[in-house]
C-alpha cells in the first residue's frame, strides 16, 4: 500500500528530547516539531506521504555538525535523519518517519562566481541552490544552464549526486 497520512500522530518522546538536546548544544537554526511543519514536509514530488517527527533547518555548517555529533552519541543512535533540498525527488527519497534536515531555507548562498573559468564557489555543505537561483546567476553571468540536469527549477545543486 502507498504510504499516506491518515491521522495526527504525536511526536515521539525520544525525538522531543533530541530537539531539546539540539537547543542545549547550541543549534542556531530552526527546530520545528509542530504538526504544520511536519505535514508540509510529509510529501515530496512523489505520490507518497510520510509524516516526520520533526523538521530542522540548519543555518550553517556548524548546525549540521551539531546534528551529526549528537546522533553519534549512544543515546541518540536510533534517531533517523533524512536530508532534504528542494523535495523534487519522485521516489520519496527525502521522506522519513524521523527528522527531516531541510537545507533549502538557509544553506543556499554563492560566495564567488568566476565566469571566465566557469565555476561558482558555495560554502562547504551549502549546496541547496535551486535551479531558479542558478538561472539568475546564469542570466547575469552568461553561464551554463544547470536546469538541464536538475529536476526543474526547484531541484537543488546538492541533489545532483542523489536526487532529493
C-alpha atoms as a PDB file:
ATOM      1  CA  UNK A   1       0.000   0.000   0.000  1.00  0.00           C
ATOM      2  CA  UNK A   2       1.225   3.510  -0.779  1.00  0.00           C
ATOM      3  CA  UNK A   3       2.177   5.366   2.437  1.00  0.00           C
ATOM      4  CA  UNK A   4      -0.200   8.233   3.196  1.00  0.00           C
ATOM      5  CA  UNK A   5      -1.203  10.388   6.137  1.00  0.00           C
ATOM      6  CA  UNK A   6      -4.223   9.060   7.969  1.00  0.00           C
ATOM      7  CA  UNK A   7      -4.246  10.743  11.371  1.00  0.00           C
ATOM      8  CA  UNK A   8      -2.371  13.170  13.583  1.00  0.00           C
ATOM      9  CA  UNK A   9       0.373  11.337  15.411  1.00  0.00           C
ATOM     10  CA  UNK A  10       2.226  12.991  18.283  1.00  0.00           C
ATOM     11  CA  UNK A  11       5.997  13.382  18.213  1.00  0.00           C
ATOM     12  CA  UNK A  12       7.755  10.525  19.996  1.00  0.00           C
ATOM     13  CA  UNK A  13       9.363  11.467  23.311  1.00  0.00           C
ATOM     14  CA  UNK A  14      12.820  10.414  22.077  1.00  0.00           C
ATOM     15  CA  UNK A  15      12.602  12.948  19.245  1.00  0.00           C
ATOM     16  CA  UNK A  16      11.335  15.716  21.544  1.00  0.00           C
ATOM     17  CA  UNK A  17      14.290  15.026  23.845  1.00  0.00           C
ATOM     18  CA  UNK A  18      16.628  15.158  20.842  1.00  0.00           C
ATOM     19  CA  UNK A  19      15.206  18.565  19.839  1.00  0.00           C
ATOM     20  CA  UNK A  20      15.863  19.782  23.403  1.00  0.00           C
ATOM     21  CA  UNK A  21      19.409  18.392  23.201  1.00  0.00           C
ATOM     22  CA  UNK A  22      19.978  20.274  19.934  1.00  0.00           C
ATOM     23  CA  UNK A  23      18.907  23.525  21.612  1.00  0.00           C
ATOM     24  CA  UNK A  24      21.214  22.843  24.557  1.00  0.00           C
ATOM     25  CA  UNK A  25      24.111  22.048  22.202  1.00  0.00           C
ATOM     26  CA  UNK A  26      23.835  25.466  20.541  1.00  0.00           C
ATOM     27  CA  UNK A  27      21.906  24.645  17.360  1.00  0.00           C
ATOM     28  CA  UNK A  28      21.102  28.082  15.858  1.00  0.00           C
ATOM     29  CA  UNK A  29      18.740  27.091  13.073  1.00  0.00           C
ATOM     30  CA  UNK A  30      15.028  26.412  13.288  1.00  0.00           C
ATOM     31  CA  UNK A  31      13.597  23.398  15.122  1.00  0.00           C
ATOM     32  CA  UNK A  32      10.031  22.506  14.171  1.00  0.00           C
ATOM     33  CA  UNK A  33       8.289  19.532  15.788  1.00  0.00           C
ATOM     34  CA  UNK A  34       4.865  21.144  15.227  1.00  0.00           C
ATOM     35  CA  UNK A  35       2.258  19.375  13.133  1.00  0.00           C
ATOM     36  CA  UNK A  36       2.016  22.130  10.495  1.00  0.00           C
ATOM     37  CA  UNK A  37       5.708  21.953   9.535  1.00  0.00           C
ATOM     38  CA  UNK A  38       5.690  18.165   9.718  1.00  0.00           C
ATOM     39  CA  UNK A  39       2.688  17.976   7.391  1.00  0.00           C
ATOM     40  CA  UNK A  40       4.173  20.358   4.820  1.00  0.00           C
ATOM     41  CA  UNK A  41       7.301  18.208   4.501  1.00  0.00           C
ATOM     42  CA  UNK A  42       5.437  14.887   4.633  1.00  0.00           C
ATOM     43  CA  UNK A  43       5.291  14.966   0.836  1.00  0.00           C
ATOM     44  CA  UNK A  44       7.718  15.493  -1.993  1.00  0.00           C
ATOM     45  CA  UNK A  45       7.303  15.226  -5.751  1.00  0.00           C
ATOM     46  CA  UNK A  46       6.151  11.612  -5.400  1.00  0.00           C
ATOM     47  CA  UNK A  47       2.763  10.132  -4.578  1.00  0.00           C
ATOM     48  CA  UNK A  48       3.953   9.085  -1.105  1.00  0.00           C
ATOM     49  CA  UNK A  49       3.139  10.709   2.242  1.00  0.00           C
ATOM     50  CA  UNK A  50       5.287  10.043   5.314  1.00  0.00           C
ATOM     51  CA  UNK A  51       4.912  12.192   8.442  1.00  0.00           C
ATOM     52  CA  UNK A  52       8.274  13.086  10.006  1.00  0.00           C
ATOM     53  CA  UNK A  53       8.806  13.519  13.748  1.00  0.00           C
ATOM     54  CA  UNK A  54      10.272  16.993  13.213  1.00  0.00           C
ATOM     55  CA  UNK A  55      11.850  19.318  10.670  1.00  0.00           C
ATOM     56  CA  UNK A  56      15.103  21.151  11.330  1.00  0.00           C
ATOM     57  CA  UNK A  57      16.510  23.985   9.230  1.00  0.00           C
ATOM     58  CA  UNK A  58      20.272  24.379   9.858  1.00  0.00           C
ATOM     59  CA  UNK A  59      21.578  27.927   9.424  1.00  0.00           C
ATOM     60  CA  UNK A  60      25.149  26.902   8.678  1.00  0.00           C
ATOM     61  CA  UNK A  61      27.656  24.062   8.661  1.00  0.00           C
ATOM     62  CA  UNK A  62      28.107  24.251  12.444  1.00  0.00           C
ATOM     63  CA  UNK A  63      24.421  23.370  12.847  1.00  0.00           C
ATOM     64  CA  UNK A  64      24.871  20.294  10.641  1.00  0.00           C
ATOM     65  CA  UNK A  65      27.881  19.314  12.713  1.00  0.00           C
ATOM     66  CA  UNK A  66      25.780  19.757  15.856  1.00  0.00           C
ATOM     67  CA  UNK A  67      23.115  17.380  14.497  1.00  0.00           C
ATOM     68  CA  UNK A  68      25.588  14.715  13.394  1.00  0.00           C
ATOM     69  CA  UNK A  69      27.697  14.968  16.554  1.00  0.00           C
ATOM     70  CA  UNK A  70      24.630  14.407  18.712  1.00  0.00           C
ATOM     71  CA  UNK A  71      23.415  11.456  16.647  1.00  0.00           C
ATOM     72  CA  UNK A  72      26.802   9.791  17.072  1.00  0.00           C
ATOM     73  CA  UNK A  73      26.215   9.550  20.840  1.00  0.00           C
ATOM     74  CA  UNK A  74      24.800   6.227  22.088  1.00  0.00           C
ATOM     75  CA  UNK A  75      21.565   7.730  23.449  1.00  0.00           C
ATOM     76  CA  UNK A  76      20.682   9.229  20.052  1.00  0.00           C
ATOM     77  CA  UNK A  77      21.812   6.453  17.688  1.00  0.00           C
ATOM     78  CA  UNK A  78      18.234   5.414  16.926  1.00  0.00           C
ATOM     79  CA  UNK A  79      17.356   8.913  15.654  1.00  0.00           C
ATOM     80  CA  UNK A  80      16.670   8.762  11.916  1.00  0.00           C
ATOM     81  CA  UNK A  81      17.729  11.738   9.763  1.00  0.00           C
ATOM     82  CA  UNK A  82      16.869  12.491   6.155  1.00  0.00           C
ATOM     83  CA  UNK A  83      18.458  15.427   4.297  1.00  0.00           C
ATOM     84  CA  UNK A  84      16.204  17.459   2.041  1.00  0.00           C
ATOM     85  CA  UNK A  85      16.821  20.110  -0.577  1.00  0.00           C
ATOM     86  CA  UNK A  86      14.020  21.051  -2.930  1.00  0.00           C
ATOM     87  CA  UNK A  87      11.901  17.954  -2.282  1.00  0.00           C
ATOM     88  CA  UNK A  88      11.778  17.295  -6.007  1.00  0.00           C
ATOM     89  CA  UNK A  89      12.568  13.588  -5.868  1.00  0.00           C
ATOM     90  CA  UNK A  90       9.891  11.381  -7.388  1.00  0.00           C
ATOM     91  CA  UNK A  91      10.580   8.261  -5.312  1.00  0.00           C
ATOM     92  CA  UNK A  92      10.179   9.621  -1.750  1.00  0.00           C
ATOM     93  CA  UNK A  93      13.949   9.890  -1.205  1.00  0.00           C
ATOM     94  CA  UNK A  94      13.648  12.768   1.283  1.00  0.00           C
ATOM     95  CA  UNK A  95      10.673  11.392   3.218  1.00  0.00           C
ATOM     96  CA  UNK A  96      11.173   9.821   6.631  1.00  0.00           C
ATOM     97  CA  UNK A  97       9.397   8.978   9.844  1.00  0.00           C
ATOM     98  CA  UNK A  98      12.416  10.508  11.597  1.00  0.00           C
ATOM     99  CA  UNK A  99      13.762  14.070  11.316  1.00  0.00           C
ATOM    100  CA  UNK A 100      13.996  15.943   8.032  1.00  0.00           C
ATOM    101  CA  UNK A 101      17.105  18.118   7.854  1.00  0.00           C
ATOM    102  CA  UNK A 102      15.996  20.733   5.317  1.00  0.00           C
ATOM    103  CA  UNK A 103      18.937  22.608   3.829  1.00  0.00           C
ATOM    104  CA  UNK A 104      16.971  24.756   1.401  1.00  0.00           C
ATOM    105  CA  UNK A 105      15.956  27.586   3.715  1.00  0.00           C
ATOM    106  CA  UNK A 106      19.334  28.890   4.885  1.00  0.00           C
ATOM    107  CA  UNK A 107      22.092  26.964   3.111  1.00  0.00           C
ATOM    108  CA  UNK A 108      21.647  28.411  -0.362  1.00  0.00           C
ATOM    109  CA  UNK A 109      24.350  31.013  -0.974  1.00  0.00           C
ATOM    110  CA  UNK A 110      27.017  31.538  -3.592  1.00  0.00           C
ATOM    111  CA  UNK A 111      30.247  33.043  -2.267  1.00  0.00           C
ATOM    112  CA  UNK A 112      32.024  33.690  -5.533  1.00  0.00           C
ATOM    113  CA  UNK A 113      31.449  33.321  -9.269  1.00  0.00           C
ATOM    114  CA  UNK A 114      34.195  33.160 -11.863  1.00  0.00           C
ATOM    115  CA  UNK A 115      32.528  33.304 -15.295  1.00  0.00           C
ATOM    116  CA  UNK A 116      35.898  33.329 -17.077  1.00  0.00           C
ATOM    117  CA  UNK A 117      36.848  29.935 -15.655  1.00  0.00           C
ATOM    118  CA  UNK A 118      33.239  28.711 -15.467  1.00  0.00           C
ATOM    119  CA  UNK A 119      32.850  27.940 -11.762  1.00  0.00           C
ATOM    120  CA  UNK A 120      30.994  29.082  -8.672  1.00  0.00           C
ATOM    121  CA  UNK A 121      32.009  28.553  -5.051  1.00  0.00           C
ATOM    122  CA  UNK A 122      29.478  27.742  -2.339  1.00  0.00           C
ATOM    123  CA  UNK A 123      30.185  27.431   1.381  1.00  0.00           C
ATOM    124  CA  UNK A 124      31.116  23.889   2.415  1.00  0.00           C
ATOM    125  CA  UNK A 125      27.976  21.729   2.706  1.00  0.00           C
ATOM    126  CA  UNK A 126      25.916  24.639   1.369  1.00  0.00           C
ATOM    127  CA  UNK A 127      24.510  23.030  -1.743  1.00  0.00           C
ATOM    128  CA  UNK A 128      20.843  23.993  -1.789  1.00  0.00           C
ATOM    129  CA  UNK A 129      20.838  26.487  -4.594  1.00  0.00           C
ATOM    130  CA  UNK A 130      17.802  25.790  -6.727  1.00  0.00           C
ATOM    131  CA  UNK A 131      17.603  25.767 -10.491  1.00  0.00           C
ATOM    132  CA  UNK A 132      15.739  29.062 -10.156  1.00  0.00           C
ATOM    133  CA  UNK A 133      18.665  30.599  -8.215  1.00  0.00           C
ATOM    134  CA  UNK A 134      21.144  29.226 -10.719  1.00  0.00           C
ATOM    135  CA  UNK A 135      19.130  30.572 -13.649  1.00  0.00           C
ATOM    136  CA  UNK A 136      19.513  34.102 -12.274  1.00  0.00           C
ATOM    137  CA  UNK A 137      23.251  33.610 -11.896  1.00  0.00           C
ATOM    138  CA  UNK A 138      23.439  32.153 -15.399  1.00  0.00           C
ATOM    139  CA  UNK A 139      21.454  35.010 -16.888  1.00  0.00           C
ATOM    140  CA  UNK A 140      23.575  37.609 -15.122  1.00  0.00           C
ATOM    141  CA  UNK A 141      26.904  35.960 -15.945  1.00  0.00           C
ATOM    142  CA  UNK A 142      26.168  34.088 -19.177  1.00  0.00           C
ATOM    143  CA  UNK A 143      26.922  30.679 -17.663  1.00  0.00           C
ATOM    144  CA  UNK A 144      25.775  27.120 -18.455  1.00  0.00           C
ATOM    145  CA  UNK A 145      22.149  26.254 -17.701  1.00  0.00           C
ATOM    146  CA  UNK A 146      22.117  23.645 -14.916  1.00  0.00           C
ATOM    147  CA  UNK A 147      18.329  23.376 -15.203  1.00  0.00           C
ATOM    148  CA  UNK A 148      19.011  20.853 -17.955  1.00  0.00           C
ATOM    149  CA  UNK A 149      20.337  18.391 -15.364  1.00  0.00           C
ATOM    150  CA  UNK A 150      18.454  19.490 -12.245  1.00  0.00           C
ATOM    151  CA  UNK A 151      14.895  18.357 -11.602  1.00  0.00           C
ATOM    152  CA  UNK A 152      13.239  21.565 -12.800  1.00  0.00           C
ATOM    153  CA  UNK A 153      13.547  24.983 -11.224  1.00  0.00           C
ATOM    154  CA  UNK A 154      13.193  23.652  -7.660  1.00  0.00           C
ATOM    155  CA  UNK A 155      15.796  20.881  -7.880  1.00  0.00           C
ATOM    156  CA  UNK A 156      18.893  21.655  -5.829  1.00  0.00           C
ATOM    157  CA  UNK A 157      22.569  21.568  -6.637  1.00  0.00           C
ATOM    158  CA  UNK A 158      23.013  19.132  -3.739  1.00  0.00           C
ATOM    159  CA  UNK A 159      20.625  16.718  -5.414  1.00  0.00           C
ATOM    160  CA  UNK A 160      22.901  16.160  -8.412  1.00  0.00           C
ATOM    161  CA  UNK A 161      24.696  13.186  -6.817  1.00  0.00           C
ATOM    162  CA  UNK A 162      21.469  11.864  -5.223  1.00  0.00           C
ATOM    163  CA  UNK A 163      18.042  13.272  -6.087  1.00  0.00           C
ATOM    164  CA  UNK A 164      16.218  14.514  -3.017  1.00  0.00           C
END
